[in-house]
């Protein structure tokens, strides 16, 4: 075995344990792409070196509180990754997240050695990330409030304004988790009014307050809930596009279940297993009606024609 490779893995194992409260064995296996036996051996090596590794029955491993070793120097590739992350976060729509990230980054940069700081400064104007959309308007502490609710199992009262309503409505919710999708932040929560799980867009929350009332139930994991809520039977769709202009459809088609294409003469046949709402597919396809046709199912083509008829009489 390459001793330097094992040493590097053990060092990374230490920093991973130091960065989290508890890390389970499955996560360690996945992170280092190795067997349980190898992980156990590396953990014993850390213990033998005097690192106080603690096992939490049924949960995983941690390092005793208060034990710290400063991280090793950053590699050149890691420094470049910091620059890329900084440029992307500068365009992040959520202002307060961007500000907190900048604060963290200043602390990280302070640990770089001189030449790495020079490299970052030299490359600063060599990387440009343009904002795609305008920033959404969020309450300053909304994410902090929701995360505090989740960690403390504390019901939140929100004033929510749906796009279809004139007035805001008060809801009490039990947040399960937050996710960022298509330029907006959402909280997936159990709504005590509807007695069901709902997603709320954070820029539509006008007020939020922790009530001090504990959650009424234990909730599934965020990923599990999202998968369950997003389950929709796949609709097979076949689209024919002109060969010269088929590339117009390339940018967004993966979002609608695209899986293959076939070139036939002057056309490209595209195949989709669409799991989003059929109307969403039709309205996306409207942009390409002069260069492409929906071949099947017929119902989607009819829906497309109905939208065009309504547009003509407005």
Protein backbone atom coordinates (compact mmCIF):
# COMPACT_ATOMS: atom_id res chain seq x y z
CA UNK A 1 0.00 0.00 0.00
CA UNK A 2 1.12 3.57 -0.72
CA UNK A 3 1.92 4.90 2.77
CA UNK A 4 1.60 8.55 1.72
CA UNK A 5 -1.86 7.82 0.30
CA UNK A 6 -2.99 6.21 3.56
CA UNK A 7 -1.52 9.07 5.60
CA UNK A 8 -3.42 11.59 3.48
CA UNK A 9 -6.66 9.62 3.95
CA UNK A 10 -6.19 9.44 7.73
CA UNK A 11 -5.50 13.18 7.83
CA UNK A 12 -8.63 13.91 5.80
CA UNK A 13 -10.57 11.57 8.10
CA UNK A 14 -9.41 13.60 11.08
CA UNK A 15 -10.46 16.92 9.55
CA UNK A 16 -13.83 15.47 8.56
CA UNK A 17 -14.44 14.26 12.12
CA UNK A 18 -13.32 17.65 13.42
CA UNK A 19 -15.75 19.48 11.09
CA UNK A 20 -18.92 17.67 12.24
CA UNK A 21 -20.65 16.76 15.49
CA UNK A 22 -21.03 13.10 14.48
CA UNK A 23 -20.13 11.21 11.30
CA UNK A 24 -21.58 7.76 10.63
CA UNK A 25 -19.64 4.89 9.11
CA UNK A 26 -21.68 4.91 5.88
CA UNK A 27 -20.73 8.54 5.19
CA UNK A 28 -17.06 7.75 5.84
CA UNK A 29 -17.18 4.80 3.44
CA UNK A 30 -18.81 6.94 0.76
CA UNK A 31 -16.41 9.86 1.25
CA UNK A 32 -13.23 7.77 1.06
CA UNK A 33 -14.59 5.03 -1.27
CA UNK A 34 -13.25 2.23 0.88
CA UNK A 35 -14.45 -0.64 3.09
CA UNK A 36 -15.68 -0.56 6.68
CA UNK A 37 -12.65 -2.56 7.69
CA UNK A 38 -10.31 0.11 6.30
CA UNK A 39 -12.24 2.89 8.05
CA UNK A 40 -12.07 1.04 11.36
CA UNK A 41 -8.33 0.57 10.89
CA UNK A 42 -7.84 4.28 10.16
CA UNK A 43 -9.89 5.24 13.22
CA UNK A 44 -7.68 3.03 15.38
CA UNK A 45 -4.61 4.72 13.85
CA UNK A 46 -5.99 8.10 14.95
CA UNK A 47 -6.58 6.78 18.45
CA UNK A 48 -3.07 5.36 18.57
CA UNK A 49 -1.75 8.83 17.65
CA UNK A 50 -3.53 10.33 20.66
CA UNK A 51 -6.66 11.67 18.97
CA UNK A 52 -9.67 11.19 21.32
CA UNK A 53 -12.11 9.48 18.92
CA UNK A 54 -15.50 8.77 20.52
CA UNK A 55 -18.06 6.22 19.33
CA UNK A 56 -21.75 7.11 19.77
CA UNK A 57 -23.83 3.94 19.82
CA UNK A 58 -25.98 3.73 16.70
CA UNK A 59 -24.95 7.20 15.46
CA UNK A 60 -21.30 7.28 14.50
CA UNK A 61 -17.98 8.81 15.51
CA UNK A 62 -16.78 12.17 16.75
CA UNK A 63 -13.72 13.82 18.28
CA UNK A 64 -13.98 14.90 21.90
CA UNK A 65 -14.98 18.52 22.37
CA UNK A 66 -12.04 20.90 22.70
CA UNK A 67 -9.49 18.83 20.79
CA UNK A 68 -8.27 20.83 17.77
CA UNK A 69 -5.46 20.77 15.23
CA UNK A 70 -5.15 23.54 12.65
CA UNK A 71 -5.89 22.43 9.07
CA UNK A 72 -3.04 21.74 6.68
CA UNK A 73 -2.13 24.21 3.90
CA UNK A 74 -4.51 24.52 0.99
CA UNK A 75 -3.46 23.03 -2.33
CA UNK A 76 -3.33 25.18 -5.48
CA UNK A 77 -6.49 23.48 -6.80
CA UNK A 78 -8.34 24.19 -3.54
CA UNK A 79 -7.35 27.87 -3.71
CA UNK A 80 -8.72 28.12 -7.27
CA UNK A 81 -11.94 26.45 -6.10
CA UNK A 82 -12.27 29.14 -3.42
CA UNK A 83 -12.03 31.82 -6.10
CA UNK A 84 -14.72 30.16 -8.22
CA UNK A 85 -17.00 29.74 -5.20
CA UNK A 86 -16.49 33.38 -4.25
CA UNK A 87 -17.42 34.62 -7.73
CA UNK A 88 -20.56 32.46 -7.81
CA UNK A 89 -21.64 33.53 -4.32
CA UNK A 90 -21.17 37.21 -5.20
CA UNK A 91 -24.10 36.76 -7.60
CA UNK A 92 -26.23 34.79 -5.15
CA UNK A 93 -29.76 36.14 -5.01
CA UNK A 94 -30.06 35.84 -1.23
CA UNK A 95 -28.28 38.91 0.12
CA UNK A 96 -27.78 37.80 3.72
CA UNK A 97 -26.40 34.40 2.68
CA UNK A 98 -23.94 36.17 0.40
CA UNK A 99 -22.84 38.42 3.26
CA UNK A 100 -22.30 35.53 5.68
CA UNK A 101 -20.35 33.62 3.04
CA UNK A 102 -18.08 36.63 2.48
CA UNK A 103 -17.42 36.77 6.23
CA UNK A 104 -16.48 33.08 6.28
CA UNK A 105 -14.29 33.49 3.22
CA UNK A 106 -12.31 36.33 4.83
CA UNK A 107 -11.45 33.99 7.70
CA UNK A 108 -10.44 31.22 5.29
CA UNK A 109 -8.29 33.59 3.21
CA UNK A 110 -6.47 34.73 6.33
CA UNK A 111 -4.98 31.23 6.65
CA UNK A 112 -3.54 31.23 3.11
CA UNK A 113 0.17 31.73 2.70
CA UNK A 114 1.59 34.74 0.82
CA UNK A 115 1.91 33.30 -2.67
CA UNK A 116 -1.63 31.90 -2.59
CA UNK A 117 -2.98 35.34 -1.68
CA UNK A 118 -1.04 36.83 -4.61
CA UNK A 119 -2.52 34.17 -6.93
CA UNK A 120 -6.08 35.00 -5.82
CA UNK A 121 -5.50 38.71 -6.28
CA UNK A 122 -3.99 38.19 -9.74
CA UNK A 123 -6.91 36.02 -10.91
CA UNK A 124 -9.65 38.13 -9.33
CA UNK A 125 -10.58 39.96 -12.55
CA UNK A 126 -9.95 36.92 -14.76
CA UNK A 127 -13.20 35.17 -13.80
CA UNK A 128 -16.62 36.69 -14.42
CA UNK A 129 -20.01 35.30 -13.39
CA UNK A 130 -22.97 37.34 -14.62
CA UNK A 131 -26.25 37.34 -12.67
CA UNK A 132 -29.07 35.66 -14.60
CA UNK A 133 -31.99 37.16 -12.72
CA UNK A 134 -32.80 39.93 -10.30
CA UNK A 135 -32.48 39.18 -6.60
CA UNK A 136 -35.60 38.02 -4.79
CA UNK A 137 -36.74 40.01 -1.74
CA UNK A 138 -36.35 37.91 1.42
CA UNK A 139 -36.88 38.77 5.06
CA UNK A 140 -33.39 39.41 6.52
CA UNK A 141 -33.44 36.53 9.03
CA UNK A 142 -35.96 34.18 7.44
CA UNK A 143 -33.55 31.28 6.86
CA UNK A 144 -32.07 31.63 10.34
CA UNK A 145 -35.59 31.59 11.82
CA UNK A 146 -36.59 28.49 9.87
CA UNK A 147 -33.38 26.62 10.67
CA UNK A 148 -33.80 27.54 14.35
CA UNK A 149 -37.32 26.15 14.14
CA UNK A 150 -36.05 22.88 12.67
CA UNK A 151 -33.25 22.43 15.18
CA UNK A 152 -35.42 23.42 18.15
CA UNK A 153 -38.60 21.65 16.91
CA UNK A 154 -40.44 24.96 17.36
CA UNK A 155 -43.59 25.80 15.36
CA UNK A 156 -43.32 28.94 13.18
CA UNK A 157 -46.13 31.39 12.48
CA UNK A 158 -45.83 32.97 9.05
CA UNK A 159 -47.76 35.56 7.03
CA UNK A 160 -47.78 34.19 3.48
CA UNK A 161 -48.76 35.93 0.26
CA UNK A 162 -49.62 33.63 -2.63
CA UNK A 163 -49.41 35.08 -6.13
CA UNK A 164 -53.10 34.24 -6.66
CA UNK A 165 -54.29 36.01 -3.47
CA UNK A 166 -54.71 39.71 -2.76
CA UNK A 167 -54.05 39.44 0.97
CA UNK A 168 -51.54 37.59 3.12
CA UNK A 169 -52.71 34.60 5.13
CA UNK A 170 -51.41 33.44 8.50
CA UNK A 171 -50.20 29.86 8.71
CA UNK A 172 -48.55 27.85 11.46
CA UNK A 173 -46.03 25.42 10.05
CA UNK A 174 -43.54 22.79 11.17
CA UNK A 175 -40.54 23.21 8.83
CA UNK A 176 -38.85 20.02 7.66
CA UNK A 177 -36.11 21.56 5.50
CA UNK A 178 -35.13 24.22 2.98
CA UNK A 179 -34.16 23.82 -0.67
CA UNK A 180 -33.07 26.12 -3.49
CA UNK A 181 -34.64 25.49 -6.89
CA UNK A 182 -35.01 27.51 -10.08
CA UNK A 183 -33.71 30.75 -8.53
CA UNK A 184 -35.86 30.64 -5.38
CA UNK A 185 -35.59 29.40 -1.80
CA UNK A 186 -38.40 27.18 -0.48
CA UNK A 187 -39.27 25.68 2.88
CA UNK A 188 -41.02 22.32 2.88
CA UNK A 189 -43.19 22.20 5.99
CA UNK A 190 -46.17 20.51 7.58
CA UNK A 191 -49.01 23.02 7.45
CA UNK A 192 -51.19 22.83 10.60
CA UNK A 193 -54.09 24.44 8.70
CA UNK A 194 -54.08 21.98 5.79
CA UNK A 195 -52.80 19.00 7.82
CA UNK A 196 -50.45 18.17 4.97
CA UNK A 197 -46.98 18.97 3.67
CA UNK A 198 -46.61 22.10 1.57
CA UNK A 199 -43.77 24.05 -0.04
CA UNK A 200 -43.64 27.80 0.68
CA UNK A 201 -41.54 30.24 -1.31
CA UNK A 202 -39.44 32.29 1.06
CA UNK A 203 -39.79 35.57 -0.85
CA UNK A 204 -43.57 35.35 -0.31
CA UNK A 205 -43.25 35.13 3.49
CA UNK A 206 -43.95 38.60 4.87
CA UNK A 207 -43.49 37.81 8.58
CA UNK A 208 -42.13 34.87 10.56
CA UNK A 209 -42.13 34.25 14.31
CA UNK A 210 -41.10 31.33 16.49
CA UNK A 211 -44.13 30.48 18.62
CA UNK A 212 -42.40 28.52 21.38
CA UNK A 213 -44.84 25.64 20.76
CA UNK A 214 -43.20 22.27 20.08
CA UNK A 215 -43.81 20.27 16.89
CA UNK A 216 -46.87 18.02 16.98
CA UNK A 217 -45.20 15.09 15.21
CA UNK A 218 -41.98 13.56 13.93
CA UNK A 219 -41.35 14.28 10.24
CA UNK A 220 -39.62 12.24 7.50
CA UNK A 221 -36.34 13.45 6.03
CA UNK A 222 -36.47 16.34 3.53
CA UNK A 223 -35.11 14.28 0.64
CA UNK A 224 -37.62 11.50 1.28
CA UNK A 225 -40.55 13.92 1.40
CA UNK A 226 -39.48 15.72 -1.76
CA UNK A 227 -39.21 12.44 -3.64
CA UNK A 228 -42.67 11.40 -2.45
CA UNK A 229 -44.27 14.76 -3.30
CA UNK A 230 -42.63 14.90 -6.71
CA UNK A 231 -43.72 11.43 -7.75
CA UNK A 232 -45.63 11.69 -11.03
CA UNK A 233 -45.98 9.03 -13.71
CA UNK A 234 -43.62 9.68 -16.61
CA UNK A 235 -45.36 10.72 -19.83
CA UNK A 236 -43.62 9.54 -23.03
CA UNK A 237 -43.33 12.46 -25.47
CA UNK A 238 -41.89 12.49 -28.97
CA UNK A 239 -40.84 15.77 -30.60
CA UNK A 240 -39.60 16.36 -34.15
CA UNK A 241 -37.35 19.36 -34.72
CA UNK A 242 -35.74 20.81 -37.82
CA UNK A 243 -32.12 19.66 -38.02
CA UNK A 244 -30.73 23.19 -38.50
CA UNK A 245 -32.52 24.64 -35.49
CA UNK A 246 -32.80 21.62 -33.17
CA UNK A 247 -30.04 23.04 -30.98
CA UNK A 248 -32.49 25.70 -29.75
CA UNK A 249 -34.15 22.99 -27.65
CA UNK A 250 -30.91 21.66 -26.14
CA UNK A 251 -30.57 24.05 -23.19
CA UNK A 252 -33.63 23.14 -21.11
CA UNK A 253 -34.74 19.79 -22.47
CA UNK A 254 -33.07 17.75 -19.69
CA UNK A 255 -35.44 19.41 -17.21
CA UNK A 256 -38.36 17.79 -19.05
CA UNK A 257 -37.10 14.21 -19.11
CA UNK A 258 -35.13 14.15 -22.37
CA UNK A 259 -33.25 10.85 -22.76
CA UNK A 260 -32.32 10.34 -26.43
CA UNK A 261 -32.46 11.70 -29.98
CA UNK A 262 -32.35 10.26 -33.48
CA UNK A 263 -31.40 12.10 -36.67
CA UNK A 264 -33.63 11.28 -39.64
CA UNK A 265 -32.96 13.22 -42.84
CA UNK A 266 -33.60 16.91 -42.23
CA UNK A 267 -35.06 16.36 -38.76
CA UNK A 268 -34.08 15.33 -35.24
CA UNK A 269 -36.47 13.14 -33.27
CA UNK A 270 -36.28 13.79 -29.51
CA UNK A 271 -37.67 11.45 -26.87
CA UNK A 272 -38.80 12.46 -23.39
CA UNK A 273 -40.05 10.69 -20.29
CA UNK A 274 -41.64 13.79 -18.81
CA UNK A 275 -42.31 13.80 -15.05
CA UNK A 276 -43.29 17.48 -14.74
CA UNK A 277 -46.88 18.59 -15.35
CA UNK A 278 -47.78 18.17 -19.06
CA UNK A 279 -48.92 21.81 -19.28
CA UNK A 280 -45.46 22.92 -18.11
CA UNK A 281 -43.94 20.97 -21.01
CA UNK A 282 -46.38 22.51 -23.49
CA UNK A 283 -45.70 26.06 -22.33
CA UNK A 284 -41.94 25.45 -22.55
CA UNK A 285 -42.40 24.02 -26.06
CA UNK A 286 -44.32 27.13 -27.17
CA UNK A 287 -40.97 28.88 -27.71
CA UNK A 288 -40.13 26.42 -30.49
CA UNK A 289 -43.41 25.96 -32.37
CA UNK A 290 -41.94 27.46 -35.57
CA UNK A 291 -39.07 24.94 -35.69
CA UNK A 292 -40.50 21.80 -34.05
CA UNK A 293 -43.65 19.67 -33.70
CA UNK A 294 -45.07 17.51 -30.92
CA UNK A 295 -45.61 14.15 -32.60
CA UNK A 296 -47.12 12.35 -29.60
CA UNK A 297 -49.09 12.22 -27.43
CA UNK A 298 -51.88 13.85 -29.43
CA UNK A 299 -53.39 15.37 -26.26
CA UNK A 300 -50.36 17.62 -25.80
CA UNK A 301 -50.55 18.83 -29.38
CA UNK A 302 -54.24 19.65 -28.88
CA UNK A 303 -53.43 21.51 -25.66
CA UNK A 304 -50.80 23.49 -27.55
CA UNK A 305 -53.33 24.45 -30.24
CA UNK A 306 -55.89 25.46 -27.60
CA UNK A 307 -53.39 27.83 -25.98
CA UNK A 308 -52.68 29.39 -29.38
CA UNK A 309 -56.39 29.80 -30.15
CA UNK A 310 -56.99 31.58 -26.83
CA UNK A 311 -54.01 33.82 -27.49
CA UNK A 312 -55.40 34.84 -30.90
CA UNK A 313 -58.75 36.03 -29.51
CA UNK A 314 -57.35 38.09 -26.60
